[in-house]
Amino acid sequence: MNGKFPGPPIEANLGDEVFVTVINKIDHPKEGTAIHWHGLPQWSNGQYDGVPFIQQCPIAPGSSFTYNFKADVAGITMYHAHYSAQYMDGLYGPLIIHG
């Protein structure tokens, strides 16, 4: 992700509105992707929970999707792919919400 393993840290302050644009450049094999924000309940933003085929359609190869949610739980957690074996292949990173 962005040439890093694991992916880059995403940091916000409690109460911030977070915008993360994911551009799917997976091409071997071409497949969709989706990102789950572990530990952040998406009470009013279920479409940004990152569970493909349930909460959202996968982000198609060559396409992008912008996640938008409120950082409403302080702490250190992670984001990770929720599609195929992408998480095990390294599509994850730290998510830090400062209290």
PDB file of N, CA and C in Angstrom:
ATOM      1  N   MET A   1       0.842  -1.166   0.000  1.00  0.00           N
ATOM      2  CA  MET A   1       0.000   0.000   0.000  1.00  0.00           C
ATOM      3  C   MET A   1       0.891   1.235   0.000  1.00  0.00           C
ATOM      4  N   ASN A   2       0.757   2.044  -1.000  1.00  0.00           N
ATOM      5  CA  ASN A   2       1.599   3.236  -1.144  1.00  0.00           C
ATOM      6  C   ASN A   2       3.080   2.886  -1.075  1.00  0.00           C
ATOM      7  N   GLY A   3       3.449   1.675  -1.518  1.00  0.00           N
ATOM      8  CA  GLY A   3       4.834   1.263  -1.516  1.00  0.00           C
ATOM      9  C   GLY A   3       5.376   0.909  -0.148  1.00  0.00           C
ATOM     10  N   LYS A   4       4.491   0.726   0.837  1.00  0.00           N
ATOM     11  CA  LYS A   4       4.925   0.423   2.198  1.00  0.00           C
ATOM     12  C   LYS A   4       4.279  -0.861   2.696  1.00  0.00           C
ATOM     13  N   PHE A   5       4.972  -1.523   3.612  1.00  0.00           N
ATOM     14  CA  PHE A   5       4.432  -2.725   4.246  1.00  0.00           C
ATOM     15  C   PHE A   5       4.815  -2.688   5.707  1.00  0.00           C
ATOM     16  N   PRO A   6       3.918  -2.603   6.640  1.00  0.00           N
ATOM     17  CA  PRO A   6       2.481  -2.424   6.394  1.00  0.00           C
ATOM     18  C   PRO A   6       2.197  -1.042   5.813  1.00  0.00           C
ATOM     19  N   GLY A   7       0.927  -0.779   5.561  1.00  0.00           N
ATOM     20  CA  GLY A   7       0.527   0.503   4.990  1.00  0.00           C
ATOM     21  C   GLY A   7       0.815   1.657   5.935  1.00  0.00           C
ATOM     22  N   PRO A   8       0.725   2.874   5.429  1.00  0.00           N
ATOM     23  CA  PRO A   8       1.048   4.048   6.234  1.00  0.00           C
ATOM     24  C   PRO A   8       0.052   4.239   7.376  1.00  0.00           C
ATOM     25  N   PRO A   9       0.531   4.817   8.491  1.00  0.00           N
ATOM     26  CA  PRO A   9      -0.395   5.088   9.594  1.00  0.00           C
ATOM     27  C   PRO A   9      -1.395   6.169   9.202  1.00  0.00           C
ATOM     28  N   ILE A  10      -2.601   6.011   9.684  1.00  0.00           N
ATOM     29  CA  ILE A  10      -3.636   7.033   9.532  1.00  0.00           C
ATOM     30  C   ILE A  10      -3.905   7.550  10.937  1.00  0.00           C
ATOM     31  N   GLU A  11      -3.768   8.866  11.125  1.00  0.00           N
ATOM     32  CA  GLU A  11      -3.961   9.465  12.440  1.00  0.00           C
ATOM     33  C   GLU A  11      -5.021  10.553  12.373  1.00  0.00           C
ATOM     34  N   ALA A  12      -5.795  10.658  13.455  1.00  0.00           N
ATOM     35  CA  ALA A  12      -6.816  11.690  13.578  1.00  0.00           C
ATOM     36  C   ALA A  12      -6.987  11.999  15.059  1.00  0.00           C
ATOM     37  N   ASN A  13      -7.677  13.070  15.345  1.00  0.00           N
ATOM     38  CA  ASN A  13      -8.039  13.408  16.713  1.00  0.00           C
ATOM     39  C   ASN A  13      -9.495  13.022  16.941  1.00  0.00           C
ATOM     40  N   LEU A  14      -9.819  12.682  18.173  1.00  0.00           N
ATOM     41  CA  LEU A  14     -11.176  12.320  18.530  1.00  0.00           C
ATOM     42  C   LEU A  14     -12.135  13.404  18.051  1.00  0.00           C
ATOM     43  N   GLY A  15     -13.157  13.014  17.335  1.00  0.00           N
ATOM     44  CA  GLY A  15     -14.148  13.947  16.809  1.00  0.00           C
ATOM     45  C   GLY A  15     -13.881  14.427  15.399  1.00  0.00           C
ATOM     46  N   ASP A  16     -12.682  14.174  14.880  1.00  0.00           N
ATOM     47  CA  ASP A  16     -12.371  14.594  13.507  1.00  0.00           C
ATOM     48  C   ASP A  16     -13.224  13.834  12.498  1.00  0.00           C
ATOM     49  N   GLU A  17     -13.459  14.481  11.377  1.00  0.00           N
ATOM     50  CA  GLU A  17     -14.049  13.795  10.234  1.00  0.00           C
ATOM     51  C   GLU A  17     -12.886  13.284   9.390  1.00  0.00           C
ATOM     52  N   VAL A  18     -12.895  12.000   9.090  1.00  0.00           N
ATOM     53  CA  VAL A  18     -11.790  11.358   8.385  1.00  0.00           C
ATOM     54  C   VAL A  18     -12.210  11.070   6.946  1.00  0.00           C
ATOM     55  N   PHE A  19     -11.349  11.437   6.004  1.00  0.00           N
ATOM     56  CA  PHE A  19     -11.546  11.133   4.592  1.00  0.00           C
ATOM     57  C   PHE A  19     -10.333  10.337   4.127  1.00  0.00           C
ATOM     58  N   VAL A  20     -10.570   9.161   3.580  1.00  0.00           N
ATOM     59  CA  VAL A  20      -9.489   8.338   3.034  1.00  0.00           C
ATOM     60  C   VAL A  20      -9.919   7.874   1.650  1.00  0.00           C
ATOM     61  N   THR A  21      -9.160   8.253   0.628  1.00  0.00           N
ATOM     62  CA  THR A  21      -9.462   7.812  -0.724  1.00  0.00           C
ATOM     63  C   THR A  21      -8.596   6.613  -1.053  1.00  0.00           C
ATOM     64  N   VAL A  22      -9.252   5.522  -1.443  1.00  0.00           N
ATOM     65  CA  VAL A  22      -8.568   4.289  -1.823  1.00  0.00           C
ATOM     66  C   VAL A  22      -8.646   4.165  -3.338  1.00  0.00           C
ATOM     67  N   ILE A  23      -7.488   4.038  -3.975  1.00  0.00           N
ATOM     68  CA  ILE A  23      -7.424   3.809  -5.416  1.00  0.00           C
ATOM     69  C   ILE A  23      -6.971   2.370  -5.607  1.00  0.00           C
ATOM     70  N   ASN A  24      -7.790   1.574  -6.247  1.00  0.00           N
ATOM     71  CA  ASN A  24      -7.483   0.154  -6.424  1.00  0.00           C
ATOM     72  C   ASN A  24      -6.574  -0.026  -7.642  1.00  0.00           C
ATOM     73  N   LYS A  25      -5.303  -0.311  -7.375  1.00  0.00           N
ATOM     74  CA  LYS A  25      -4.344  -0.585  -8.442  1.00  0.00           C
ATOM     75  C   LYS A  25      -3.910  -2.046  -8.440  1.00  0.00           C
ATOM     76  N   ILE A  26      -4.699  -2.903  -7.796  1.00  0.00           N
ATOM     77  CA  ILE A  26      -4.380  -4.328  -7.763  1.00  0.00           C
ATOM     78  C   ILE A  26      -4.575  -4.883  -9.167  1.00  0.00           C
ATOM     79  N   ASP A  27      -3.513  -5.490  -9.723  1.00  0.00           N
ATOM     80  CA  ASP A  27      -3.638  -5.965 -11.101  1.00  0.00           C
ATOM     81  C   ASP A  27      -3.104  -7.371 -11.340  1.00  0.00           C
ATOM     82  N   HIS A  28      -2.643  -8.064 -10.302  1.00  0.00           N
ATOM     83  CA  HIS A  28      -2.153  -9.448 -10.499  1.00  0.00           C
ATOM     84  C   HIS A  28      -2.697 -10.354  -9.422  1.00  0.00           C
ATOM     85  N   PRO A  29      -3.851 -10.897  -9.497  1.00  0.00           N
ATOM     86  CA  PRO A  29      -4.851 -10.714 -10.543  1.00  0.00           C
ATOM     87  C   PRO A  29      -5.689  -9.468 -10.272  1.00  0.00           C
ATOM     88  N   LYS A  30      -6.353  -8.974 -11.281  1.00  0.00           N
ATOM     89  CA  LYS A  30      -7.254  -7.841 -11.100  1.00  0.00           C
ATOM     90  C   LYS A  30      -8.408  -8.301 -10.212  1.00  0.00           C
ATOM     91  N   GLU A  31      -8.618  -7.587  -9.110  1.00  0.00           N
ATOM     92  CA  GLU A  31      -9.733  -7.916  -8.225  1.00  0.00           C
ATOM     93  C   GLU A  31     -10.148  -6.679  -7.459  1.00  0.00           C
ATOM     94  N   GLY A  32     -11.349  -6.736  -6.923  1.00  0.00           N
ATOM     95  CA  GLY A  32     -11.865  -5.638  -6.124  1.00  0.00           C
ATOM     96  C   GLY A  32     -11.147  -5.560  -4.791  1.00  0.00           C
ATOM     97  N   THR A  33     -11.475  -4.530  -4.032  1.00  0.00           N
ATOM     98  CA  THR A  33     -10.952  -4.393  -2.677  1.00  0.00           C
ATOM     99  C   THR A  33     -11.929  -3.584  -1.848  1.00  0.00           C
ATOM    100  N   ALA A  34     -11.758  -3.600  -0.549  1.00  0.00           N
ATOM    101  CA  ALA A  34     -12.531  -2.792   0.386  1.00  0.00           C
ATOM    102  C   ALA A  34     -11.716  -2.703   1.671  1.00  0.00           C
ATOM    103  N   ILE A  35     -11.836  -1.591   2.376  1.00  0.00           N
ATOM    104  CA  ILE A  35     -11.064  -1.379   3.602  1.00  0.00           C
ATOM    105  C   ILE A  35     -12.022  -1.305   4.788  1.00  0.00           C
ATOM    106  N   HIS A  36     -11.680  -2.063   5.828  1.00  0.00           N
ATOM    107  CA  HIS A  36     -12.454  -2.082   7.077  1.00  0.00           C
ATOM    108  C   HIS A  36     -11.675  -1.332   8.145  1.00  0.00           C
ATOM    109  N   TRP A  37     -12.372  -0.503   8.903  1.00  0.00           N
ATOM    110  CA  TRP A  37     -11.767   0.327   9.947  1.00  0.00           C
ATOM    111  C   TRP A  37     -12.015  -0.376  11.272  1.00  0.00           C
ATOM    112  N   HIS A  38     -11.086  -1.261  11.624  1.00  0.00           N
ATOM    113  CA  HIS A  38     -11.259  -2.164  12.762  1.00  0.00           C
ATOM    114  C   HIS A  38     -11.425  -1.376  14.056  1.00  0.00           C
ATOM    115  N   GLY A  39     -12.490  -1.682  14.788  1.00  0.00           N
ATOM    116  CA  GLY A  39     -12.727  -1.047  16.074  1.00  0.00           C
ATOM    117  C   GLY A  39     -13.485   0.258  16.010  1.00  0.00           C
ATOM    118  N   LEU A  40     -13.829   0.720  14.822  1.00  0.00           N
ATOM    119  CA  LEU A  40     -14.622   1.946  14.699  1.00  0.00           C
ATOM    120  C   LEU A  40     -16.031   1.592  14.241  1.00  0.00           C
ATOM    121  N   PRO A  41     -16.982   1.578  15.148  1.00  0.00           N
ATOM    122  CA  PRO A  41     -18.352   1.264  14.727  1.00  0.00           C
ATOM    123  C   PRO A  41     -18.874   2.356  13.791  1.00  0.00           C
ATOM    124  N   GLN A  42     -19.418   1.948  12.690  1.00  0.00           N
ATOM    125  CA  GLN A  42     -19.933   2.900  11.706  1.00  0.00           C
ATOM    126  C   GLN A  42     -21.443   3.048  11.894  1.00  0.00           C
ATOM    127  N   TRP A  43     -21.826   3.584  13.062  1.00  0.00           N
ATOM    128  CA  TRP A  43     -23.250   3.650  13.415  1.00  0.00           C
ATOM    129  C   TRP A  43     -24.080   4.374  12.365  1.00  0.00           C
ATOM    130  N   SER A  44     -23.631   5.503  11.896  1.00  0.00           N
ATOM    131  CA  SER A  44     -24.416   6.256  10.914  1.00  0.00           C
ATOM    132  C   SER A  44     -23.806   6.204   9.522  1.00  0.00           C
ATOM    133  N   ASN A  45     -22.745   5.406   9.355  1.00  0.00           N
ATOM    134  CA  ASN A  45     -22.055   5.320   8.068  1.00  0.00           C
ATOM    135  C   ASN A  45     -21.801   3.871   7.686  1.00  0.00           C
ATOM    136  N   GLY A  46     -22.805   3.030   7.748  1.00  0.00           N
ATOM    137  CA  GLY A  46     -22.624   1.613   7.454  1.00  0.00           C
ATOM    138  C   GLY A  46     -22.008   1.339   6.099  1.00  0.00           C
ATOM    139  N   GLN A  47     -22.236   2.244   5.148  1.00  0.00           N
ATOM    140  CA  GLN A  47     -21.698   2.050   3.801  1.00  0.00           C
ATOM    141  C   GLN A  47     -20.187   2.199   3.773  1.00  0.00           C
ATOM    142  N   TYR A  48     -19.581   2.693   4.865  1.00  0.00           N
ATOM    143  CA  TYR A  48     -18.132   2.861   4.929  1.00  0.00           C
ATOM    144  C   TYR A  48     -17.463   1.814   5.812  1.00  0.00           C
ATOM    145  N   ASP A  49     -18.180   0.755   6.171  1.00  0.00           N
ATOM    146  CA  ASP A  49     -17.636  -0.261   7.070  1.00  0.00           C
ATOM    147  C   ASP A  49     -16.642  -1.180   6.378  1.00  0.00           C
ATOM    148  N   GLY A  50     -16.659  -1.233   5.055  1.00  0.00           N
ATOM    149  CA  GLY A  50     -15.641  -1.965   4.321  1.00  0.00           C
ATOM    150  C   GLY A  50     -15.859  -3.458   4.183  1.00  0.00           C
ATOM    151  N   VAL A  51     -17.074  -3.922   4.379  1.00  0.00           N
ATOM    152  CA  VAL A  51     -17.359  -5.346   4.185  1.00  0.00           C
ATOM    153  C   VAL A  51     -17.995  -5.504   2.802  1.00  0.00           C
ATOM    154  N   PRO A  52     -17.219  -6.031   1.831  1.00  0.00           N
ATOM    155  CA  PRO A  52     -17.729  -6.099   0.456  1.00  0.00           C
ATOM    156  C   PRO A  52     -18.913  -7.040   0.331  1.00  0.00           C
ATOM    157  N   PHE A  53     -19.816  -6.675  -0.539  1.00  0.00           N
ATOM    158  CA  PHE A  53     -21.036  -7.409  -0.862  1.00  0.00           C
ATOM    159  C   PHE A  53     -22.061  -7.365   0.265  1.00  0.00           C
ATOM    160  N   ILE A  54     -21.726  -6.737   1.391  1.00  0.00           N
ATOM    161  CA  ILE A  54     -22.697  -6.576   2.470  1.00  0.00           C
ATOM    162  C   ILE A  54     -22.922  -5.086   2.704  1.00  0.00           C
ATOM    163  N   GLN A  55     -21.865  -4.362   3.106  1.00  0.00           N
ATOM    164  CA  GLN A  55     -21.991  -2.931   3.338  1.00  0.00           C
ATOM    165  C   GLN A  55     -21.669  -2.098   2.100  1.00  0.00           C
ATOM    166  N   GLN A  56     -20.831  -2.603   1.243  1.00  0.00           N
ATOM    167  CA  GLN A  56     -20.476  -1.833   0.052  1.00  0.00           C
ATOM    168  C   GLN A  56     -20.092  -2.775  -1.082  1.00  0.00           C
ATOM    169  N   CYS A  57     -20.153  -2.257  -2.288  1.00  0.00           N
ATOM    170  CA  CYS A  57     -19.629  -3.005  -3.428  1.00  0.00           C
ATOM    171  C   CYS A  57     -18.110  -2.885  -3.374  1.00  0.00           C
ATOM    172  N   PRO A  58     -17.388  -3.914  -3.793  1.00  0.00           N
ATOM    173  CA  PRO A  58     -15.925  -3.796  -3.823  1.00  0.00           C
ATOM    174  C   PRO A  58     -15.506  -2.653  -4.753  1.00  0.00           C
ATOM    175  N   ILE A  59     -14.375  -2.068  -4.438  1.00  0.00           N
ATOM    176  CA  ILE A  59     -13.803  -1.028  -5.292  1.00  0.00           C
ATOM    177  C   ILE A  59     -13.174  -1.746  -6.474  1.00  0.00           C
ATOM    178  N   ALA A  60     -13.688  -1.506  -7.652  1.00  0.00           N
ATOM    179  CA  ALA A  60     -13.246  -2.209  -8.859  1.00  0.00           C
ATOM    180  C   ALA A  60     -11.817  -1.827  -9.226  1.00  0.00           C
ATOM    181  N   PRO A  61     -11.086  -2.724  -9.886  1.00  0.00           N
ATOM    182  CA  PRO A  61      -9.738  -2.390 -10.344  1.00  0.00           C
ATOM    183  C   PRO A  61      -9.752  -1.115 -11.193  1.00  0.00           C
ATOM    184  N   GLY A  62      -8.820  -0.224 -10.905  1.00  0.00           N
ATOM    185  CA  GLY A  62      -8.733   1.034 -11.637  1.00  0.00           C
ATOM    186  C   GLY A  62      -9.678   2.108 -11.139  1.00  0.00           C
ATOM    187  N   SER A  63     -10.502   1.790 -10.135  1.00  0.00           N
ATOM    188  CA  SER A  63     -11.464   2.748  -9.589  1.00  0.00           C
ATOM    189  C   SER A  63     -11.023   3.230  -8.213  1.00  0.00           C
ATOM    190  N   SER A  64     -11.710   4.251  -7.728  1.00  0.00           N
ATOM    191  CA  SER A  64     -11.412   4.770  -6.394  1.00  0.00           C
ATOM    192  C   SER A  64     -12.697   4.926  -5.597  1.00  0.00           C
ATOM    193  N   PHE A  65     -12.540   5.024  -4.288  1.00  0.00           N
ATOM    194  CA  PHE A  65     -13.669   5.215  -3.382  1.00  0.00           C
ATOM    195  C   PHE A  65     -13.149   6.014  -2.195  1.00  0.00           C
ATOM    196  N   THR A  66     -13.914   7.009  -1.758  1.00  0.00           N
ATOM    197  CA  THR A  66     -13.521   7.802  -0.603  1.00  0.00           C
ATOM    198  C   THR A  66     -14.366   7.416   0.596  1.00  0.00           C
ATOM    199  N   TYR A  67     -13.692   6.924   1.624  1.00  0.00           N
ATOM    200  CA  TYR A  67     -14.337   6.628   2.895  1.00  0.00           C
ATOM    201  C   TYR A  67     -14.420   7.928   3.682  1.00  0.00           C
ATOM    202  N   ASN A  68     -15.535   8.135   4.382  1.00  0.00           N
ATOM    203  CA  ASN A  68     -15.758   9.347   5.154  1.00  0.00           C
ATOM    204  C   ASN A  68     -16.474   8.946   6.436  1.00  0.00           C
ATOM    205  N   PHE A  69     -15.800   9.117   7.568  1.00  0.00           N
ATOM    206  CA  PHE A  69     -16.414   8.743   8.839  1.00  0.00           C
ATOM    207  C   PHE A  69     -15.858   9.627   9.949  1.00  0.00           C
ATOM    208  N   LYS A  70     -16.545   9.618  11.071  1.00  0.00           N
ATOM    209  CA  LYS A  70     -16.122  10.393  12.225  1.00  0.00           C
ATOM    210  C   LYS A  70     -15.251   9.529  13.134  1.00  0.00           C
ATOM    211  N   ALA A  71     -14.148  10.089  13.597  1.00  0.00           N
ATOM    212  CA  ALA A  71     -13.266   9.401  14.538  1.00  0.00           C
ATOM    213  C   ALA A  71     -13.886   9.543  15.927  1.00  0.00           C
ATOM    214  N   ASP A  72     -14.781   8.632  16.256  1.00  0.00           N
ATOM    215  CA  ASP A  72     -15.543   8.776  17.495  1.00  0.00           C
ATOM    216  C   ASP A  72     -15.136   7.811  18.603  1.00  0.00           C
ATOM    217  N   VAL A  73     -14.044   7.058  18.409  1.00  0.00           N
ATOM    218  CA  VAL A  73     -13.500   6.178  19.442  1.00  0.00           C
ATOM    219  C   VAL A  73     -11.992   6.402  19.489  1.00  0.00           C
ATOM    220  N   ALA A  74     -11.487   6.829  20.653  1.00  0.00           N
ATOM    221  CA  ALA A  74     -10.048   7.076  20.784  1.00  0.00           C
ATOM    222  C   ALA A  74      -9.304   5.763  21.011  1.00  0.00           C
ATOM    223  N   GLY A  75      -8.081   5.699  20.519  1.00  0.00           N
ATOM    224  CA  GLY A  75      -7.246   4.538  20.753  1.00  0.00           C
ATOM    225  C   GLY A  75      -6.429   4.172  19.529  1.00  0.00           C
ATOM    226  N   ILE A  76      -5.744   3.045  19.644  1.00  0.00           N
ATOM    227  CA  ILE A  76      -4.911   2.539  18.554  1.00  0.00           C
ATOM    228  C   ILE A  76      -5.516   1.238  18.060  1.00  0.00           C
ATOM    229  N   THR A  77      -5.761   1.188  16.789  1.00  0.00           N
ATOM    230  CA  THR A  77      -6.334  -0.003  16.157  1.00  0.00           C
ATOM    231  C   THR A  77      -5.704  -0.142  14.780  1.00  0.00           C
ATOM    232  N   MET A  78      -6.451  -0.641  13.831  1.00  0.00           N
ATOM    233  CA  MET A  78      -5.892  -0.851  12.500  1.00  0.00           C
ATOM    234  C   MET A  78      -6.976  -0.750  11.438  1.00  0.00           C
ATOM    235  N   TYR A  79      -6.522  -0.563  10.218  1.00  0.00           N
ATOM    236  CA  TYR A  79      -7.401  -0.719   9.060  1.00  0.00           C
ATOM    237  C   TYR A  79      -6.871  -1.908   8.284  1.00  0.00           C
ATOM    238  N   HIS A  80      -7.739  -2.575   7.555  1.00  0.00           N
ATOM    239  CA  HIS A  80      -7.278  -3.725   6.775  1.00  0.00           C
ATOM    240  C   HIS A  80      -8.242  -4.021   5.649  1.00  0.00           C
ATOM    241  N   ALA A  81      -7.713  -4.681   4.617  1.00  0.00           N
ATOM    242  CA  ALA A  81      -8.555  -5.107   3.500  1.00  0.00           C
ATOM    243  C   ALA A  81      -9.538  -6.150   4.009  1.00  0.00           C
ATOM    244  N   HIS A  82     -10.701  -6.137   3.411  1.00  0.00           N
ATOM    245  CA  HIS A  82     -11.737  -7.094   3.798  1.00  0.00           C
ATOM    246  C   HIS A  82     -12.219  -7.827   2.546  1.00  0.00           C
ATOM    247  N   TYR A  83     -11.259  -8.174   1.706  1.00  0.00           N
ATOM    248  CA  TYR A  83     -11.595  -8.805   0.430  1.00  0.00           C
ATOM    249  C   TYR A  83     -10.541  -9.855   0.112  1.00  0.00           C
ATOM    250  N   SER A  84     -10.976 -11.050  -0.209  1.00  0.00           N
ATOM    251  CA  SER A  84     -10.083 -12.127  -0.608  1.00  0.00           C
ATOM    252  C   SER A  84      -8.993 -12.327   0.458  1.00  0.00           C
ATOM    253  N   ALA A  85      -7.758 -12.554   0.047  1.00  0.00           N
ATOM    254  CA  ALA A  85      -6.649 -12.755   0.987  1.00  0.00           C
ATOM    255  C   ALA A  85      -5.772 -11.512   1.086  1.00  0.00           C
ATOM    256  N   GLN A  86      -6.307 -10.353   0.726  1.00  0.00           N
ATOM    257  CA  GLN A  86      -5.494  -9.134   0.693  1.00  0.00           C
ATOM    258  C   GLN A  86      -4.934  -8.753   2.059  1.00  0.00           C
ATOM    259  N   TYR A  87      -5.700  -8.983   3.120  1.00  0.00           N
ATOM    260  CA  TYR A  87      -5.211  -8.689   4.465  1.00  0.00           C
ATOM    261  C   TYR A  87      -3.973  -9.533   4.760  1.00  0.00           C
ATOM    262  N   MET A  88      -4.043 -10.810   4.461  1.00  0.00           N
ATOM    263  CA  MET A  88      -2.901 -11.699   4.703  1.00  0.00           C
ATOM    264  C   MET A  88      -1.726 -11.374   3.791  1.00  0.00           C
ATOM    265  N   ASP A  89      -2.009 -10.749   2.651  1.00  0.00           N
ATOM    266  CA  ASP A  89      -0.940 -10.346   1.734  1.00  0.00           C
ATOM    267  C   ASP A  89      -0.327  -8.999   2.113  1.00  0.00           C
ATOM    268  N   GLY A  90      -0.814  -8.384   3.188  1.00  0.00           N
ATOM    269  CA  GLY A  90      -0.183  -7.167   3.684  1.00  0.00           C
ATOM    270  C   GLY A  90      -0.955  -5.882   3.520  1.00  0.00           C
ATOM    271  N   LEU A  91      -2.220  -5.948   3.111  1.00  0.00           N
ATOM    272  CA  LEU A  91      -2.986  -4.720   2.937  1.00  0.00           C
ATOM    273  C   LEU A  91      -3.633  -4.352   4.272  1.00  0.00           C
ATOM    274  N   TYR A  92      -2.821  -3.741   5.139  1.00  0.00           N
ATOM    275  CA  TYR A  92      -3.295  -3.271   6.436  1.00  0.00           C
ATOM    276  C   TYR A  92      -2.324  -2.224   6.966  1.00  0.00           C
ATOM    277  N   GLY A  93      -2.741  -1.519   8.005  1.00  0.00           N
ATOM    278  CA  GLY A  93      -1.868  -0.526   8.612  1.00  0.00           C
ATOM    279  C   GLY A  93      -2.477  -0.004   9.901  1.00  0.00           C
ATOM    280  N   PRO A  94      -1.723   0.811  10.646  1.00  0.00           N
ATOM    281  CA  PRO A  94      -2.202   1.330  11.923  1.00  0.00           C
ATOM    282  C   PRO A  94      -3.192   2.482  11.760  1.00  0.00           C
ATOM    283  N   LEU A  95      -4.148   2.525  12.659  1.00  0.00           N
ATOM    284  CA  LEU A  95      -5.143   3.582  12.721  1.00  0.00           C
ATOM    285  C   LEU A  95      -5.108   4.136  14.144  1.00  0.00           C
ATOM    286  N   ILE A  96      -4.730   5.386  14.289  1.00  0.00           N
ATOM    287  CA  ILE A  96      -4.521   5.987  15.601  1.00  0.00           C
ATOM    288  C   ILE A  96      -5.475   7.160  15.762  1.00  0.00           C
ATOM    289  N   ILE A  97      -6.335   7.084  16.785  1.00  0.00           N
ATOM    290  CA  ILE A  97      -7.261   8.177  17.096  1.00  0.00           C
ATOM    291  C   ILE A  97      -6.819   8.744  18.448  1.00  0.00           C
ATOM    292  N   HIS A  98      -6.272   9.959  18.408  1.00  0.00           N
ATOM    293  CA  HIS A  98      -5.789  10.602  19.631  1.00  0.00           C
ATOM    294  C   HIS A  98      -6.971  11.138  20.433  1.00  0.00           C
ATOM    295  N   GLY A  99      -6.977  10.864  21.750  1.00  0.00           N
ATOM    296  CA  GLY A  99      -8.042  11.336  22.640  1.00  0.00           C
ATOM    297  C   GLY A  99      -7.733  12.717  23.110  1.00  0.00           C
TER     298      GLY A  99
END
